[in-house]
Amino acid sequence: MIKMNIALKTLAIVTSISLVGATLAEAKEAKAKPAKDPKAAFEKLDADKSGSVSKEEFCATAKDPAKAEQAFAKKDTDKDGSLSLEEMSAGGQKKAKGDKPKAKKEKPAAKAPAAE
């Protein structure tokens, strides 16, 4: 009876440890994978379903509010105080004034054979 009781307690402990380990591994895996669907991430942040993400919505789940505000400012390219799906997807990379797009280098035309 005592041996069976010890065996059941051991089994319960081993099972609990296994479940906790599996749960931690799943949580770590989920955290490591970035959102693949920008639209799904946008819809998740758009709490009021207005079609845009406000600064408050964007910063609400942030671990570091200061960094979140900086990221929001970079992404809000039209400076209207909210993010559209396009702004969220684009990553907020805006060219500074005066930056010119890089021109593609053209290959020199093949020289015609010299006429004699």
Protein backbone atom coordinates (compact mmCIF):
# COMPACT_ATOMS: atom_id res chain seq x y z
CA MET A 1 0.00 0.00 0.00
CA ILE A 2 2.78 2.45 0.93
CA LYS A 3 4.81 1.47 -2.16
CA MET A 4 1.77 2.06 -4.38
CA ASN A 5 1.15 5.43 -2.74
CA ILE A 6 4.78 6.48 -3.33
CA ALA A 7 4.61 5.25 -6.92
CA LEU A 8 1.45 7.31 -7.57
CA LYS A 9 3.00 10.42 -6.02
CA THR A 10 6.15 9.94 -8.12
CA LEU A 11 4.06 9.49 -11.25
CA ALA A 12 2.08 12.64 -10.46
CA ILE A 13 5.27 14.65 -9.93
CA VAL A 14 6.91 13.39 -13.11
CA THR A 15 3.74 14.11 -15.11
CA SER A 16 3.51 17.63 -13.67
CA ILE A 17 7.14 18.36 -14.50
CA SER A 18 6.64 17.09 -18.05
CA LEU A 19 3.56 19.24 -18.57
CA VAL A 20 5.26 22.35 -17.21
CA GLY A 21 8.28 21.75 -19.43
CA ALA A 22 6.09 21.29 -22.50
CA THR A 23 4.12 24.44 -21.68
CA LEU A 24 7.29 26.49 -21.24
CA ALA A 25 8.70 25.17 -24.51
CA GLU A 26 5.48 26.09 -26.37
CA ALA A 27 5.45 29.56 -24.83
CA LYS A 28 9.08 30.14 -25.80
CA GLU A 29 8.41 28.95 -29.35
CA ALA A 30 5.36 31.17 -29.70
CA LYS A 31 7.30 34.17 -28.41
CA ALA A 32 10.21 33.55 -30.77
CA LYS A 33 8.04 33.51 -33.90
CA PRO A 34 7.09 36.95 -35.18
CA ALA A 35 3.63 37.53 -36.55
CA LYS A 36 3.65 36.39 -40.17
CA ASP A 37 0.43 38.14 -41.14
CA PRO A 38 0.66 41.93 -40.83
CA LYS A 39 -3.11 42.25 -41.28
CA ALA A 40 -3.79 39.91 -38.34
CA ALA A 41 -1.34 41.86 -36.15
CA PHE A 42 -2.99 45.12 -37.23
CA GLU A 43 -6.48 43.83 -36.45
CA LYS A 44 -5.31 42.61 -33.05
CA LEU A 45 -3.90 46.05 -32.17
CA ASP A 46 -6.97 47.89 -33.52
CA ALA A 47 -8.98 47.36 -30.32
CA ASP A 48 -11.83 49.70 -31.25
CA LYS A 49 -12.04 48.32 -34.81
CA SER A 50 -11.80 51.82 -36.30
CA GLY A 51 -9.61 50.72 -39.19
CA SER A 52 -6.55 52.46 -37.78
CA VAL A 53 -4.30 51.94 -34.76
CA SER A 54 -4.03 54.87 -32.37
CA LYS A 55 -0.92 55.63 -30.37
CA GLU A 56 -2.70 54.39 -27.24
CA GLU A 57 -3.65 51.09 -28.90
CA PHE A 58 -0.12 50.66 -30.23
CA CYS A 59 1.52 51.29 -26.85
CA ALA A 60 -1.05 49.43 -24.72
CA THR A 61 0.70 46.04 -24.84
CA ALA A 62 4.28 47.33 -25.03
CA LYS A 63 6.83 46.25 -22.44
CA ASP A 64 8.75 49.52 -22.96
CA PRO A 65 6.36 52.44 -23.58
CA ALA A 66 9.18 54.82 -24.56
CA LYS A 67 10.42 52.48 -27.31
CA ALA A 68 6.83 51.89 -28.43
CA GLU A 69 6.26 55.64 -28.78
CA GLN A 70 9.45 55.97 -30.84
CA ALA A 71 8.40 53.07 -33.08
CA PHE A 72 4.93 54.60 -33.47
CA ALA A 73 6.44 57.95 -34.48
CA LYS A 74 8.60 56.25 -37.14
CA LYS A 75 5.69 54.27 -38.53
CA ASP A 76 3.24 57.21 -38.58
CA THR A 77 4.63 58.61 -41.83
CA ASP A 78 1.71 60.96 -42.50
CA LYS A 79 1.81 62.22 -38.89
CA ASP A 80 -1.96 61.96 -38.39
CA GLY A 81 -1.65 60.27 -34.98
CA SER A 82 -2.81 56.86 -36.14
CA LEU A 83 -1.42 54.00 -38.18
CA SER A 84 -2.99 52.55 -41.28
CA LEU A 85 -2.40 48.96 -42.33
CA GLU A 86 0.01 50.26 -44.98
CA GLU A 87 2.03 52.21 -42.41
CA MET A 88 2.17 49.19 -40.10
CA SER A 89 3.27 46.92 -42.95
CA ALA A 90 5.84 49.32 -44.35
CA GLY A 91 7.84 49.44 -41.16
CA GLY A 92 7.92 53.24 -41.07
CA GLN A 93 10.97 53.67 -43.27
CA LYS A 94 10.67 57.22 -44.57
CA LYS A 95 13.32 58.92 -46.66
CA ALA A 96 14.64 62.22 -45.45
CA LYS A 97 14.07 65.33 -47.53
CA GLY A 98 16.65 65.65 -50.23
CA ASP A 99 17.26 61.92 -50.45
CA LYS A 100 17.19 60.92 -54.06
CA PRO A 101 16.33 57.44 -55.18
CA LYS A 102 19.37 55.56 -56.33
CA ALA A 103 19.59 55.49 -60.09
CA LYS A 104 20.14 52.15 -61.68
CA LYS A 105 23.49 51.88 -63.35
CA GLU A 106 23.09 51.34 -67.03
CA LYS A 107 25.41 49.05 -68.86
CA PRO A 108 27.35 50.80 -71.60
CA ALA A 109 25.99 50.09 -75.04
CA ALA A 110 27.96 47.61 -77.09
CA LYS A 111 30.35 49.40 -79.44
CA ALA A 112 29.66 49.05 -83.11
CA PRO A 113 32.54 47.66 -85.14
CA ALA A 114 34.68 50.38 -86.65
CA ALA A 115 33.91 51.14 -90.30
CA GLU A 116 36.88 51.14 -92.65
